[in-house]
């Protein structure tokens, strides 16, 4: 495409705008490359953020107790191998004599605890 320019002497001059447009596109492309080539801002270091948050948080005594209880539970095995071994040995030797009354009391006690945990006001209403 050709565009007429007016020169300082008043004579029209022809200029090739294709070259100018290509030059402008090249400049725009290099600017775009510079934008994409620049490193993206890094995400904040989560450990630093955690330290900053933790520095401003104070746990209540109850929350500290709960945290300690969770640590104890996490470090307690689900199966106490020493007790399992002890009772296996007693059973194998024929020395294990379970007390039916103790077992019954334990079952009833556990049932009462379960009911109370579901409805703590049950004792007050009776």
C-alpha atoms as a PDB file:
ATOM      1  CA  UNK A   1       0.000   0.000   0.000  1.00  0.00           C
ATOM      2  CA  UNK A   2       1.365   3.443  -0.904  1.00  0.00           C
ATOM      3  CA  UNK A   3       0.703   6.637   1.050  1.00  0.00           C
ATOM      4  CA  UNK A   4       1.536  10.103  -0.099  1.00  0.00           C
ATOM      5  CA  UNK A   5       3.616  12.286   2.181  1.00  0.00           C
ATOM      6  CA  UNK A   6       4.088  15.955   1.779  1.00  0.00           C
ATOM      7  CA  UNK A   7       7.777  16.897   1.737  1.00  0.00           C
ATOM      8  CA  UNK A   8       9.104  20.161   3.045  1.00  0.00           C
ATOM      9  CA  UNK A   9       9.319  21.418  -0.524  1.00  0.00           C
ATOM     10  CA  UNK A  10       5.639  20.684  -1.184  1.00  0.00           C
ATOM     11  CA  UNK A  11       6.292  17.862  -3.653  1.00  0.00           C
ATOM     12  CA  UNK A  12       4.460  14.643  -2.893  1.00  0.00           C
ATOM     13  CA  UNK A  13       6.720  11.749  -1.956  1.00  0.00           C
ATOM     14  CA  UNK A  14       5.901   8.070  -2.174  1.00  0.00           C
ATOM     15  CA  UNK A  15       6.694   5.890   0.814  1.00  0.00           C
ATOM     16  CA  UNK A  16       6.334   2.167   1.191  1.00  0.00           C
ATOM     17  CA  UNK A  17       4.254   1.633   4.314  1.00  0.00           C
ATOM     18  CA  UNK A  18       4.723  -2.112   4.139  1.00  0.00           C
ATOM     19  CA  UNK A  19       8.282  -1.702   5.425  1.00  0.00           C
ATOM     20  CA  UNK A  20       7.107   0.631   8.187  1.00  0.00           C
ATOM     21  CA  UNK A  21       4.308  -1.746   9.176  1.00  0.00           C
ATOM     22  CA  UNK A  22       6.715  -4.695   9.221  1.00  0.00           C
ATOM     23  CA  UNK A  23       9.104  -2.699  11.380  1.00  0.00           C
ATOM     24  CA  UNK A  24       6.275  -1.840  13.798  1.00  0.00           C
ATOM     25  CA  UNK A  25       5.208  -5.480  13.968  1.00  0.00           C
ATOM     26  CA  UNK A  26       8.793  -6.534  14.652  1.00  0.00           C
ATOM     27  CA  UNK A  27       9.010  -4.039  17.497  1.00  0.00           C
ATOM     28  CA  UNK A  28       5.710  -5.257  18.922  1.00  0.00           C
ATOM     29  CA  UNK A  29       6.846  -8.879  18.678  1.00  0.00           C
ATOM     30  CA  UNK A  30      10.128  -8.171  20.444  1.00  0.00           C
ATOM     31  CA  UNK A  31       8.252  -6.331  23.203  1.00  0.00           C
ATOM     32  CA  UNK A  32       5.944  -9.317  23.561  1.00  0.00           C
ATOM     33  CA  UNK A  33       8.929 -11.660  23.720  1.00  0.00           C
ATOM     34  CA  UNK A  34      10.502  -9.481  26.403  1.00  0.00           C
ATOM     35  CA  UNK A  35       7.285  -9.645  28.426  1.00  0.00           C
ATOM     36  CA  UNK A  36       7.027 -13.402  28.150  1.00  0.00           C
ATOM     37  CA  UNK A  37      10.745 -13.954  28.644  1.00  0.00           C
ATOM     38  CA  UNK A  38      10.828 -12.094  31.932  1.00  0.00           C
ATOM     39  CA  UNK A  39      10.537 -14.481  34.859  1.00  0.00           C
ATOM     40  CA  UNK A  40       7.114 -14.807  36.390  1.00  0.00           C
ATOM     41  CA  UNK A  41       6.842 -13.557  39.923  1.00  0.00           C
ATOM     42  CA  UNK A  42       7.559 -16.436  42.228  1.00  0.00           C
ATOM     43  CA  UNK A  43       4.986 -17.689  44.688  1.00  0.00           C
ATOM     44  CA  UNK A  44       5.708 -16.743  48.266  1.00  0.00           C
ATOM     45  CA  UNK A  45       7.672 -19.298  50.212  1.00  0.00           C
ATOM     46  CA  UNK A  46       5.033 -21.177  52.182  1.00  0.00           C
ATOM     47  CA  UNK A  47       7.377 -21.895  55.053  1.00  0.00           C
ATOM     48  CA  UNK A  48       8.119 -18.192  55.425  1.00  0.00           C
ATOM     49  CA  UNK A  49       4.407 -17.411  55.263  1.00  0.00           C
ATOM     50  CA  UNK A  50       3.675 -20.139  57.815  1.00  0.00           C
ATOM     51  CA  UNK A  51       6.295 -18.735  60.163  1.00  0.00           C
ATOM     52  CA  UNK A  52       4.825 -15.258  59.826  1.00  0.00           C
ATOM     53  CA  UNK A  53       1.319 -16.525  60.499  1.00  0.00           C
ATOM     54  CA  UNK A  54       2.454 -18.776  63.343  1.00  0.00           C
ATOM     55  CA  UNK A  55       4.352 -15.898  64.919  1.00  0.00           C
ATOM     56  CA  UNK A  56       1.102 -13.957  65.276  1.00  0.00           C
ATOM     57  CA  UNK A  57      -1.088 -16.835  66.493  1.00  0.00           C
ATOM     58  CA  UNK A  58      -1.471 -17.775  70.133  1.00  0.00           C
ATOM     59  CA  UNK A  59      -3.119 -21.045  71.031  1.00  0.00           C
ATOM     60  CA  UNK A  60      -5.502 -21.306  73.929  1.00  0.00           C
ATOM     61  CA  UNK A  61      -4.647 -23.755  76.716  1.00  0.00           C
ATOM     62  CA  UNK A  62      -7.432 -26.035  75.421  1.00  0.00           C
ATOM     63  CA  UNK A  63      -5.977 -25.962  71.890  1.00  0.00           C
ATOM     64  CA  UNK A  64      -2.539 -26.821  73.304  1.00  0.00           C
ATOM     65  CA  UNK A  65      -4.044 -29.788  75.172  1.00  0.00           C
ATOM     66  CA  UNK A  66      -5.774 -30.950  72.003  1.00  0.00           C
ATOM     67  CA  UNK A  67      -2.547 -30.626  70.038  1.00  0.00           C
ATOM     68  CA  UNK A  68      -0.683 -32.676  72.639  1.00  0.00           C
ATOM     69  CA  UNK A  69      -3.443 -35.303  72.683  1.00  0.00           C
ATOM     70  CA  UNK A  70      -3.280 -35.572  68.887  1.00  0.00           C
ATOM     71  CA  UNK A  71       0.499 -36.080  69.031  1.00  0.00           C
ATOM     72  CA  UNK A  72       0.082 -38.825  71.634  1.00  0.00           C
ATOM     73  CA  UNK A  73      -2.600 -40.541  69.553  1.00  0.00           C
ATOM     74  CA  UNK A  74      -0.509 -40.256  66.390  1.00  0.00           C
ATOM     75  CA  UNK A  75       2.443 -41.892  68.174  1.00  0.00           C
ATOM     76  CA  UNK A  76       0.402 -44.683  69.769  1.00  0.00           C
ATOM     77  CA  UNK A  77       0.172 -47.850  67.697  1.00  0.00           C
ATOM     78  CA  UNK A  78      -3.283 -49.107  66.758  1.00  0.00           C
ATOM     79  CA  UNK A  79      -2.377 -52.595  67.963  1.00  0.00           C
ATOM     80  CA  UNK A  80      -0.431 -53.066  71.175  1.00  0.00           C
ATOM     81  CA  UNK A  81       1.732 -55.966  70.116  1.00  0.00           C
ATOM     82  CA  UNK A  82       2.969 -56.734  73.638  1.00  0.00           C
ATOM     83  CA  UNK A  83      -0.616 -57.291  74.877  1.00  0.00           C
ATOM     84  CA  UNK A  84      -1.507 -59.366  71.826  1.00  0.00           C
ATOM     85  CA  UNK A  85       1.541 -61.557  72.397  1.00  0.00           C
ATOM     86  CA  UNK A  86       0.768 -61.895  76.115  1.00  0.00           C
ATOM     87  CA  UNK A  87      -2.825 -63.040  75.520  1.00  0.00           C
ATOM     88  CA  UNK A  88      -1.855 -65.365  72.667  1.00  0.00           C
ATOM     89  CA  UNK A  89       0.593 -67.074  75.001  1.00  0.00           C
ATOM     90  CA  UNK A  90      -1.984 -67.315  77.802  1.00  0.00           C
ATOM     91  CA  UNK A  91      -4.587 -68.780  75.411  1.00  0.00           C
ATOM     92  CA  UNK A  92      -2.073 -71.241  73.923  1.00  0.00           C
ATOM     93  CA  UNK A  93      -1.137 -72.458  77.423  1.00  0.00           C
ATOM     94  CA  UNK A  94      -4.787 -72.694  78.471  1.00  0.00           C
ATOM     95  CA  UNK A  95      -4.190 -70.131  81.221  1.00  0.00           C
ATOM     96  CA  UNK A  96      -6.493 -67.381  79.966  1.00  0.00           C
ATOM     97  CA  UNK A  97      -9.646 -67.345  82.062  1.00  0.00           C
ATOM     98  CA  UNK A  98     -11.800 -64.348  81.071  1.00  0.00           C
ATOM     99  CA  UNK A  99     -14.127 -63.023  83.779  1.00  0.00           C
ATOM    100  CA  UNK A 100     -17.634 -62.856  82.284  1.00  0.00           C
ATOM    101  CA  UNK A 101     -18.735 -60.223  84.849  1.00  0.00           C
ATOM    102  CA  UNK A 102     -15.850 -57.903  83.975  1.00  0.00           C
ATOM    103  CA  UNK A 103     -16.568 -58.277  80.270  1.00  0.00           C
ATOM    104  CA  UNK A 104     -20.272 -57.522  80.819  1.00  0.00           C
ATOM    105  CA  UNK A 105     -19.468 -54.460  82.975  1.00  0.00           C
ATOM    106  CA  UNK A 106     -17.106 -53.192  80.278  1.00  0.00           C
ATOM    107  CA  UNK A 107     -19.705 -53.594  77.545  1.00  0.00           C
ATOM    108  CA  UNK A 108     -22.374 -51.782  79.597  1.00  0.00           C
ATOM    109  CA  UNK A 109     -19.944 -49.014  80.624  1.00  0.00           C
ATOM    110  CA  UNK A 110     -18.963 -48.443  76.986  1.00  0.00           C
ATOM    111  CA  UNK A 111     -22.621 -48.355  75.886  1.00  0.00           C
ATOM    112  CA  UNK A 112     -23.416 -45.737  78.548  1.00  0.00           C
ATOM    113  CA  UNK A 113     -20.432 -43.615  77.463  1.00  0.00           C
ATOM    114  CA  UNK A 114     -21.541 -43.807  73.835  1.00  0.00           C
ATOM    115  CA  UNK A 115     -25.077 -42.729  74.737  1.00  0.00           C
ATOM    116  CA  UNK A 116     -23.821 -39.852  76.891  1.00  0.00           C
ATOM    117  CA  UNK A 117     -21.460 -38.655  74.191  1.00  0.00           C
ATOM    118  CA  UNK A 118     -24.406 -38.466  71.777  1.00  0.00           C
ATOM    119  CA  UNK A 119     -26.674 -36.714  74.292  1.00  0.00           C
ATOM    120  CA  UNK A 120     -24.728 -35.217  77.247  1.00  0.00           C
ATOM    121  CA  UNK A 121     -27.896 -33.687  78.745  1.00  0.00           C
ATOM    122  CA  UNK A 122     -29.549 -37.122  79.139  1.00  0.00           C
ATOM    123  CA  UNK A 123     -28.495 -37.391  82.798  1.00  0.00           C
ATOM    124  CA  UNK A 124     -29.894 -33.960  83.610  1.00  0.00           C
ATOM    125  CA  UNK A 125     -33.289 -34.707  82.056  1.00  0.00           C
ATOM    126  CA  UNK A 126     -33.994 -37.867  84.083  1.00  0.00           C
END
